[in-house]
All heavy atoms as atom14 arrays in JSON, in Angstrom:
{
  "sequence": "AMIHIIKHAATGTIWVAENDEEPYEYKIPPRENFA",
  "atom14_mask": [
    [1, 1, 1, 1, 1, 0, 0, 0, 0, 0, 0, 0, 0, 0],
    [1, 1, 1, 1, 1, 1, 1, 1, 0, 0, 0, 0, 0, 0],
    [1, 1, 1, 1, 1, 1, 1, 1, 0, 0, 0, 0, 0, 0],
    [1, 1, 1, 1, 1, 1, 1, 1, 1, 1, 0, 0, 0, 0],
    [1, 1, 1, 1, 1, 1, 1, 1, 0, 0, 0, 0, 0, 0],
    [1, 1, 1, 1, 1, 1, 1, 1, 0, 0, 0, 0, 0, 0],
    [1, 1, 1, 1, 1, 1, 1, 1, 1, 0, 0, 0, 0, 0],
    [1, 1, 1, 1, 1, 1, 1, 1, 1, 1, 0, 0, 0, 0],
    [1, 1, 1, 1, 1, 0, 0, 0, 0, 0, 0, 0, 0, 0],
    [1, 1, 1, 1, 1, 0, 0, 0, 0, 0, 0, 0, 0, 0],
    [1, 1, 1, 1, 1, 1, 1, 0, 0, 0, 0, 0, 0, 0],
    [1, 1, 1, 1, 0, 0, 0, 0, 0, 0, 0, 0, 0, 0],
    [1, 1, 1, 1, 1, 1, 1, 0, 0, 0, 0, 0, 0, 0],
    [1, 1, 1, 1, 1, 1, 1, 1, 0, 0, 0, 0, 0, 0],
    [1, 1, 1, 1, 1, 1, 1, 1, 1, 1, 1, 1, 1, 1],
    [1, 1, 1, 1, 1, 1, 1, 0, 0, 0, 0, 0, 0, 0],
    [1, 1, 1, 1, 1, 0, 0, 0, 0, 0, 0, 0, 0, 0],
    [1, 1, 1, 1, 1, 1, 1, 1, 1, 0, 0, 0, 0, 0],
    [1, 1, 1, 1, 1, 1, 1, 1, 0, 0, 0, 0, 0, 0],
    [1, 1, 1, 1, 1, 1, 1, 1, 0, 0, 0, 0, 0, 0],
    [1, 1, 1, 1, 1, 1, 1, 1, 1, 0, 0, 0, 0, 0],
    [1, 1, 1, 1, 1, 1, 1, 1, 1, 0, 0, 0, 0, 0],
    [1, 1, 1, 1, 1, 1, 1, 0, 0, 0, 0, 0, 0, 0],
    [1, 1, 1, 1, 1, 1, 1, 1, 1, 1, 1, 1, 0, 0],
    [1, 1, 1, 1, 1, 1, 1, 1, 1, 0, 0, 0, 0, 0],
    [1, 1, 1, 1, 1, 1, 1, 1, 1, 1, 1, 1, 0, 0],
    [1, 1, 1, 1, 1, 1, 1, 1, 1, 0, 0, 0, 0, 0],
    [1, 1, 1, 1, 1, 1, 1, 1, 0, 0, 0, 0, 0, 0],
    [1, 1, 1, 1, 1, 1, 1, 0, 0, 0, 0, 0, 0, 0],
    [1, 1, 1, 1, 1, 1, 1, 0, 0, 0, 0, 0, 0, 0],
    [1, 1, 1, 1, 1, 1, 1, 1, 1, 1, 1, 0, 0, 0],
    [1, 1, 1, 1, 1, 1, 1, 1, 1, 0, 0, 0, 0, 0],
    [1, 1, 1, 1, 1, 1, 1, 1, 0, 0, 0, 0, 0, 0],
    [1, 1, 1, 1, 1, 1, 1, 1, 1, 1, 1, 0, 0, 0],
    [1, 1, 1, 1, 1, 0, 0, 0, 0, 0, 0, 0, 0, 0]
  ],
  "atom14_positions": [
    [[15.64, 22.78, 22.08], [15.83, 23.07, 20.59], [15.06, 22.09, 19.81], [14.45, 22.55, 18.76], [17.35, 23.0, 20.29], [0.0, 0.0, 0.0], [0.0, 0.0, 0.0], [0.0, 0.0, 0.0], [0.0, 0.0, 0.0], [0.0, 0.0, 0.0], [0.0, 0.0, 0.0], [0.0, 0.0, 0.0], [0.0, 0.0, 0.0], [0.0, 0.0, 0.0]],
    [[15.01, 20.9, 20.28], [14.18, 19.88, 19.5], [12.77, 20.26, 19.42], [12.2, 20.22, 18.35], [14.41, 18.55, 20.17], [13.58, 17.44, 19.56], [14.2, 16.89, 17.96], [15.69, 16.1, 18.38], [0.0, 0.0, 0.0], [0.0, 0.0, 0.0], [0.0, 0.0, 0.0], [0.0, 0.0, 0.0], [0.0, 0.0, 0.0], [0.0, 0.0, 0.0]],
    [[12.21, 20.64, 20.56], [10.84, 21.04, 20.6], [10.51, 22.22, 19.66], [9.6, 22.26, 18.92], [10.39, 21.36, 22.05], [10.36, 20.04, 22.83], [8.97, 22.03, 22.08], [10.3, 20.31, 24.33], [0.0, 0.0, 0.0], [0.0, 0.0, 0.0], [0.0, 0.0, 0.0], [0.0, 0.0, 0.0], [0.0, 0.0, 0.0], [0.0, 0.0, 0.0]],
    [[11.58, 23.18, 19.71], [11.39, 24.36, 18.82], [11.33, 23.98, 17.35], [10.41, 24.47, 16.64], [12.52, 25.32, 19.09], [12.47, 26.56, 18.22], [11.78, 27.67, 18.39], [13.15, 26.74, 16.97], [11.96, 28.47, 17.39], [12.82, 27.99, 16.61], [0.0, 0.0, 0.0], [0.0, 0.0, 0.0], [0.0, 0.0, 0.0], [0.0, 0.0, 0.0]],
    [[12.2, 23.17, 16.96], [12.23, 22.85, 15.45], [11.12, 21.99, 15.09], [10.57, 22.11, 13.89], [13.66, 22.27, 14.89], [13.91, 20.89, 15.54], [14.73, 23.25, 15.31], [15.13, 20.26, 14.76], [0.0, 0.0, 0.0], [0.0, 0.0, 0.0], [0.0, 0.0, 0.0], [0.0, 0.0, 0.0], [0.0, 0.0, 0.0], [0.0, 0.0, 0.0]],
    [[10.67, 21.04, 15.95], [9.51, 20.25, 15.66], [8.2, 21.17, 15.38], [7.47, 20.91, 14.54], [9.14, 19.2, 16.76], [10.27, 18.19, 16.73], [7.72, 18.7, 16.62], [10.19, 17.16, 17.82], [0.0, 0.0, 0.0], [0.0, 0.0, 0.0], [0.0, 0.0, 0.0], [0.0, 0.0, 0.0], [0.0, 0.0, 0.0], [0.0, 0.0, 0.0]],
    [[8.07, 22.17, 16.23], [7.02, 23.05, 16.0], [7.07, 24.06, 14.89], [6.08, 24.4, 14.23], [6.82, 23.9, 17.37], [6.34, 23.16, 18.56], [6.21, 24.05, 19.71], [5.55, 23.41, 20.95], [5.49, 24.24, 22.06], [0.0, 0.0, 0.0], [0.0, 0.0, 0.0], [0.0, 0.0, 0.0], [0.0, 0.0, 0.0], [0.0, 0.0, 0.0]],
    [[8.39, 24.52, 14.54], [8.53, 25.68, 13.64], [9.25, 25.48, 12.41], [9.12, 26.29, 11.46], [9.11, 26.85, 14.41], [8.38, 27.2, 15.64], [7.14, 27.87, 15.63], [8.69, 27.08, 16.97], [6.67, 28.03, 16.95], [7.66, 27.55, 17.76], [0.0, 0.0, 0.0], [0.0, 0.0, 0.0], [0.0, 0.0, 0.0], [0.0, 0.0, 0.0]],
    [[10.03, 24.45, 12.23], [11.01, 24.32, 11.2], [10.37, 23.72, 9.79], [9.53, 22.93, 9.9], [12.18, 23.4, 11.52], [0.0, 0.0, 0.0], [0.0, 0.0, 0.0], [0.0, 0.0, 0.0], [0.0, 0.0, 0.0], [0.0, 0.0, 0.0], [0.0, 0.0, 0.0], [0.0, 0.0, 0.0], [0.0, 0.0, 0.0], [0.0, 0.0, 0.0]],
    [[10.85, 24.3, 8.74], [10.31, 23.92, 7.46], [11.06, 22.56, 7.03], [12.25, 22.39, 7.51], [10.58, 24.99, 6.36], [0.0, 0.0, 0.0], [0.0, 0.0, 0.0], [0.0, 0.0, 0.0], [0.0, 0.0, 0.0], [0.0, 0.0, 0.0], [0.0, 0.0, 0.0], [0.0, 0.0, 0.0], [0.0, 0.0, 0.0], [0.0, 0.0, 0.0]],
    [[10.47, 21.82, 6.21], [11.06, 20.58, 5.79], [12.39, 20.9, 5.11], [12.54, 21.9, 4.42], [10.16, 19.67, 4.88], [10.75, 18.38, 4.68], [9.88, 20.33, 3.48], [0.0, 0.0, 0.0], [0.0, 0.0, 0.0], [0.0, 0.0, 0.0], [0.0, 0.0, 0.0], [0.0, 0.0, 0.0], [0.0, 0.0, 0.0], [0.0, 0.0, 0.0]],
    [[13.39, 19.93, 5.23], [14.6, 20.05, 4.59], [15.62, 21.01, 5.34], [16.79, 21.19, 4.77], [0.0, 0.0, 0.0], [0.0, 0.0, 0.0], [0.0, 0.0, 0.0], [0.0, 0.0, 0.0], [0.0, 0.0, 0.0], [0.0, 0.0, 0.0], [0.0, 0.0, 0.0], [0.0, 0.0, 0.0], [0.0, 0.0, 0.0], [0.0, 0.0, 0.0]],
    [[15.27, 21.61, 6.39], [16.13, 22.56, 7.07], [17.03, 21.94, 8.16], [16.76, 20.8, 8.54], [15.32, 23.66, 7.79], [14.4, 23.12, 8.66], [14.55, 24.55, 6.71], [0.0, 0.0, 0.0], [0.0, 0.0, 0.0], [0.0, 0.0, 0.0], [0.0, 0.0, 0.0], [0.0, 0.0, 0.0], [0.0, 0.0, 0.0], [0.0, 0.0, 0.0]],
    [[18.12, 22.56, 8.28], [19.2, 22.16, 9.32], [19.28, 23.14, 10.5], [19.37, 24.32, 10.14], [20.56, 21.96, 8.58], [20.53, 21.11, 7.42], [21.66, 21.68, 9.58], [21.73, 21.16, 6.47], [0.0, 0.0, 0.0], [0.0, 0.0, 0.0], [0.0, 0.0, 0.0], [0.0, 0.0, 0.0], [0.0, 0.0, 0.0], [0.0, 0.0, 0.0]],
    [[19.3, 22.6, 11.66], [19.3, 23.49, 12.76], [20.47, 23.15, 13.72], [20.7, 21.93, 13.95], [17.95, 23.38, 13.54], [16.85, 23.99, 12.77], [16.28, 23.42, 11.71], [16.32, 25.28, 12.89], [15.32, 24.21, 11.15], [15.29, 25.35, 11.91], [16.58, 26.3, 13.72], [14.65, 26.57, 11.71], [15.8, 27.52, 13.53], [14.85, 27.56, 12.56]],
    [[21.1, 24.12, 14.27], [22.17, 24.01, 15.27], [21.72, 24.3, 16.64], [21.05, 25.39, 16.86], [23.37, 24.82, 14.86], [24.47, 24.78, 15.85], [23.78, 24.46, 13.45], [0.0, 0.0, 0.0], [0.0, 0.0, 0.0], [0.0, 0.0, 0.0], [0.0, 0.0, 0.0], [0.0, 0.0, 0.0], [0.0, 0.0, 0.0], [0.0, 0.0, 0.0]],
    [[22.05, 23.45, 17.56], [21.85, 23.8, 19.02], [23.21, 23.64, 19.77], [23.79, 22.62, 19.84], [20.87, 22.69, 19.66], [0.0, 0.0, 0.0], [0.0, 0.0, 0.0], [0.0, 0.0, 0.0], [0.0, 0.0, 0.0], [0.0, 0.0, 0.0], [0.0, 0.0, 0.0], [0.0, 0.0, 0.0], [0.0, 0.0, 0.0], [0.0, 0.0, 0.0]],
    [[23.74, 24.76, 20.24], [24.99, 24.8, 20.88], [25.11, 25.91, 21.99], [24.3, 26.84, 21.96], [26.13, 24.91, 19.84], [26.14, 26.16, 19.1], [27.26, 26.23, 18.0], [28.13, 25.35, 18.04], [27.12, 27.02, 17.14], [0.0, 0.0, 0.0], [0.0, 0.0, 0.0], [0.0, 0.0, 0.0], [0.0, 0.0, 0.0], [0.0, 0.0, 0.0]],
    [[25.93, 25.61, 22.89], [26.22, 26.62, 23.88], [25.05, 27.02, 24.86], [24.99, 28.15, 25.25], [26.9, 27.84, 23.34], [28.15, 27.55, 22.57], [28.87, 26.7, 22.92], [28.28, 28.23, 21.43], [0.0, 0.0, 0.0], [0.0, 0.0, 0.0], [0.0, 0.0, 0.0], [0.0, 0.0, 0.0], [0.0, 0.0, 0.0], [0.0, 0.0, 0.0]],
    [[24.07, 26.06, 24.88], [22.89, 26.35, 25.71], [22.03, 27.56, 25.16], [21.34, 28.2, 25.99], [23.3, 26.54, 27.24], [23.75, 25.31, 27.9], [23.15, 24.22, 27.67], [24.75, 25.37, 28.64], [0.0, 0.0, 0.0], [0.0, 0.0, 0.0], [0.0, 0.0, 0.0], [0.0, 0.0, 0.0], [0.0, 0.0, 0.0], [0.0, 0.0, 0.0]],
    [[22.2, 27.84, 23.94], [21.44, 28.99, 23.35], [20.31, 28.46, 22.42], [20.2, 27.24, 22.13], [22.42, 29.8, 22.47], [23.5, 30.48, 23.29], [24.58, 31.1, 22.54], [24.51, 31.05, 21.26], [25.55, 31.7, 23.16], [0.0, 0.0, 0.0], [0.0, 0.0, 0.0], [0.0, 0.0, 0.0], [0.0, 0.0, 0.0], [0.0, 0.0, 0.0]],
    [[19.46, 29.34, 22.0], [18.38, 29.12, 21.12], [18.94, 28.45, 19.83], [19.96, 28.79, 19.38], [17.49, 30.22, 20.83], [16.66, 30.67, 21.86], [15.55, 31.76, 21.51], [15.17, 31.64, 20.27], [15.17, 32.45, 22.28], [0.0, 0.0, 0.0], [0.0, 0.0, 0.0], [0.0, 0.0, 0.0], [0.0, 0.0, 0.0], [0.0, 0.0, 0.0]],
    [[18.19, 27.49, 19.24], [18.63, 26.86, 18.0], [18.6, 28.02, 16.87], [17.82, 28.88, 16.88], [17.71, 25.74, 17.65], [16.46, 26.25, 18.34], [16.88, 26.97, 19.6], [0.0, 0.0, 0.0], [0.0, 0.0, 0.0], [0.0, 0.0, 0.0], [0.0, 0.0, 0.0], [0.0, 0.0, 0.0], [0.0, 0.0, 0.0], [0.0, 0.0, 0.0]],
    [[19.51, 27.77, 15.91], [19.52, 28.61, 14.78], [19.58, 27.76, 13.46], [20.14, 26.69, 13.48], [20.63, 29.65, 14.76], [22.0, 29.11, 14.82], [22.7, 28.86, 13.65], [22.62, 28.87, 16.09], [24.04, 28.38, 13.71], [23.9, 28.27, 16.05], [24.63, 28.13, 14.94], [25.86, 27.63, 14.91], [0.0, 0.0, 0.0], [0.0, 0.0, 0.0]],
    [[19.01, 28.28, 12.36], [19.08, 27.61, 11.16], [20.39, 27.76, 10.45], [20.9, 28.87, 10.33], [17.97, 28.09, 10.16], [17.85, 27.17, 8.9], [16.64, 27.57, 8.02], [15.82, 28.47, 8.4], [16.67, 26.99, 6.97], [0.0, 0.0, 0.0], [0.0, 0.0, 0.0], [0.0, 0.0, 0.0], [0.0, 0.0, 0.0], [0.0, 0.0, 0.0]],
    [[20.97, 26.63, 9.97], [22.13, 26.6, 9.22], [21.79, 26.52, 7.8], [21.11, 25.46, 7.39], [23.06, 25.46, 9.63], [24.34, 25.32, 8.83], [25.41, 26.28, 9.01], [24.42, 24.35, 7.91], [26.54, 26.05, 8.21], [25.54, 24.17, 7.13], [26.54, 25.06, 7.26], [27.74, 24.87, 6.56], [0.0, 0.0, 0.0], [0.0, 0.0, 0.0]],
    [[22.15, 27.41, 6.92], [21.73, 27.39, 5.51], [23.03, 27.09, 4.66], [23.98, 27.77, 4.77], [21.13, 28.71, 5.15], [19.83, 28.92, 5.84], [19.19, 30.21, 5.45], [17.9, 30.51, 6.19], [17.24, 31.71, 5.8], [0.0, 0.0, 0.0], [0.0, 0.0, 0.0], [0.0, 0.0, 0.0], [0.0, 0.0, 0.0], [0.0, 0.0, 0.0]],
    [[22.82, 26.17, 3.81], [23.87, 25.82, 2.74], [23.57, 26.59, 1.54], [22.45, 26.45, 0.94], [23.95, 24.29, 2.45], [24.15, 23.56, 3.79], [24.94, 24.02, 1.39], [24.03, 22.04, 3.63], [0.0, 0.0, 0.0], [0.0, 0.0, 0.0], [0.0, 0.0, 0.0], [0.0, 0.0, 0.0], [0.0, 0.0, 0.0], [0.0, 0.0, 0.0]],
    [[24.43, 27.49, 1.08], [24.09, 28.3, -0.11], [24.02, 27.41, -1.29], [24.74, 26.43, -1.44], [25.19, 29.32, -0.24], [26.3, 28.78, 0.68], [25.74, 27.81, 1.61], [0.0, 0.0, 0.0], [0.0, 0.0, 0.0], [0.0, 0.0, 0.0], [0.0, 0.0, 0.0], [0.0, 0.0, 0.0], [0.0, 0.0, 0.0], [0.0, 0.0, 0.0]],
    [[23.24, 27.72, -2.3], [23.14, 26.95, -3.58], [24.49, 26.99, -4.27], [25.13, 28.0, -4.32], [22.11, 27.65, -4.34], [21.29, 28.52, -3.39], [22.19, 28.85, -2.33], [0.0, 0.0, 0.0], [0.0, 0.0, 0.0], [0.0, 0.0, 0.0], [0.0, 0.0, 0.0], [0.0, 0.0, 0.0], [0.0, 0.0, 0.0], [0.0, 0.0, 0.0]],
    [[24.9, 25.82, -4.87], [26.16, 25.77, -5.53], [26.34, 26.84, -6.65], [27.4, 27.27, -6.97], [26.36, 24.38, -6.13], [25.62, 24.03, -7.33], [26.02, 22.6, -7.76], [25.33, 22.33, -9.04], [24.11, 22.11, -9.16], [23.28, 21.94, -8.23], [23.57, 21.89, -10.49], [0.0, 0.0, 0.0], [0.0, 0.0, 0.0], [0.0, 0.0, 0.0]],
    [[25.1, 27.27, -7.22], [25.15, 28.16, -8.32], [25.71, 29.58, -7.85], [26.28, 30.31, -8.59], [23.73, 28.37, -8.92], [23.16, 27.14, -9.58], [22.53, 26.12, -8.59], [22.32, 26.43, -7.41], [22.18, 25.12, -9.13], [0.0, 0.0, 0.0], [0.0, 0.0, 0.0], [0.0, 0.0, 0.0], [0.0, 0.0, 0.0], [0.0, 0.0, 0.0]],
    [[25.66, 29.75, -6.5], [26.17, 31.05, -5.96], [27.73, 31.07, -6.28], [28.27, 32.23, -6.17], [25.91, 31.17, -4.47], [24.49, 31.41, -4.24], [23.59, 31.44, -5.09], [24.12, 31.6, -2.96], [0.0, 0.0, 0.0], [0.0, 0.0, 0.0], [0.0, 0.0, 0.0], [0.0, 0.0, 0.0], [0.0, 0.0, 0.0], [0.0, 0.0, 0.0]],
    [[28.37, 30.04, -6.38], [29.84, 29.99, -6.5], [30.3, 29.78, -7.99], [31.48, 29.78, -8.29], [30.4, 28.8, -5.67], [29.98, 28.93, -4.22], [28.94, 28.31, -3.75], [30.64, 29.89, -3.4], [28.52, 28.35, -2.35], [30.33, 30.06, -2.06], [29.26, 29.29, -1.61], [0.0, 0.0, 0.0], [0.0, 0.0, 0.0], [0.0, 0.0, 0.0]],
    [[29.39, 29.56, -8.88], [29.78, 29.33, -10.29], [30.28, 30.6, -10.94], [29.8, 31.72, -10.59], [28.53, 28.87, -11.02], [0.0, 0.0, 0.0], [0.0, 0.0, 0.0], [0.0, 0.0, 0.0], [0.0, 0.0, 0.0], [0.0, 0.0, 0.0], [0.0, 0.0, 0.0], [0.0, 0.0, 0.0], [0.0, 0.0, 0.0], [0.0, 0.0, 0.0]]
  ]
}
């Protein structure tokens, strides 16, 4: 997962590696979505 995100991830992104599966990006929605 580390190698994958080093090669492909955009700055400021959060990635999860769990259950021996491919990493996936975790996105925090903008606070304005809840206003």
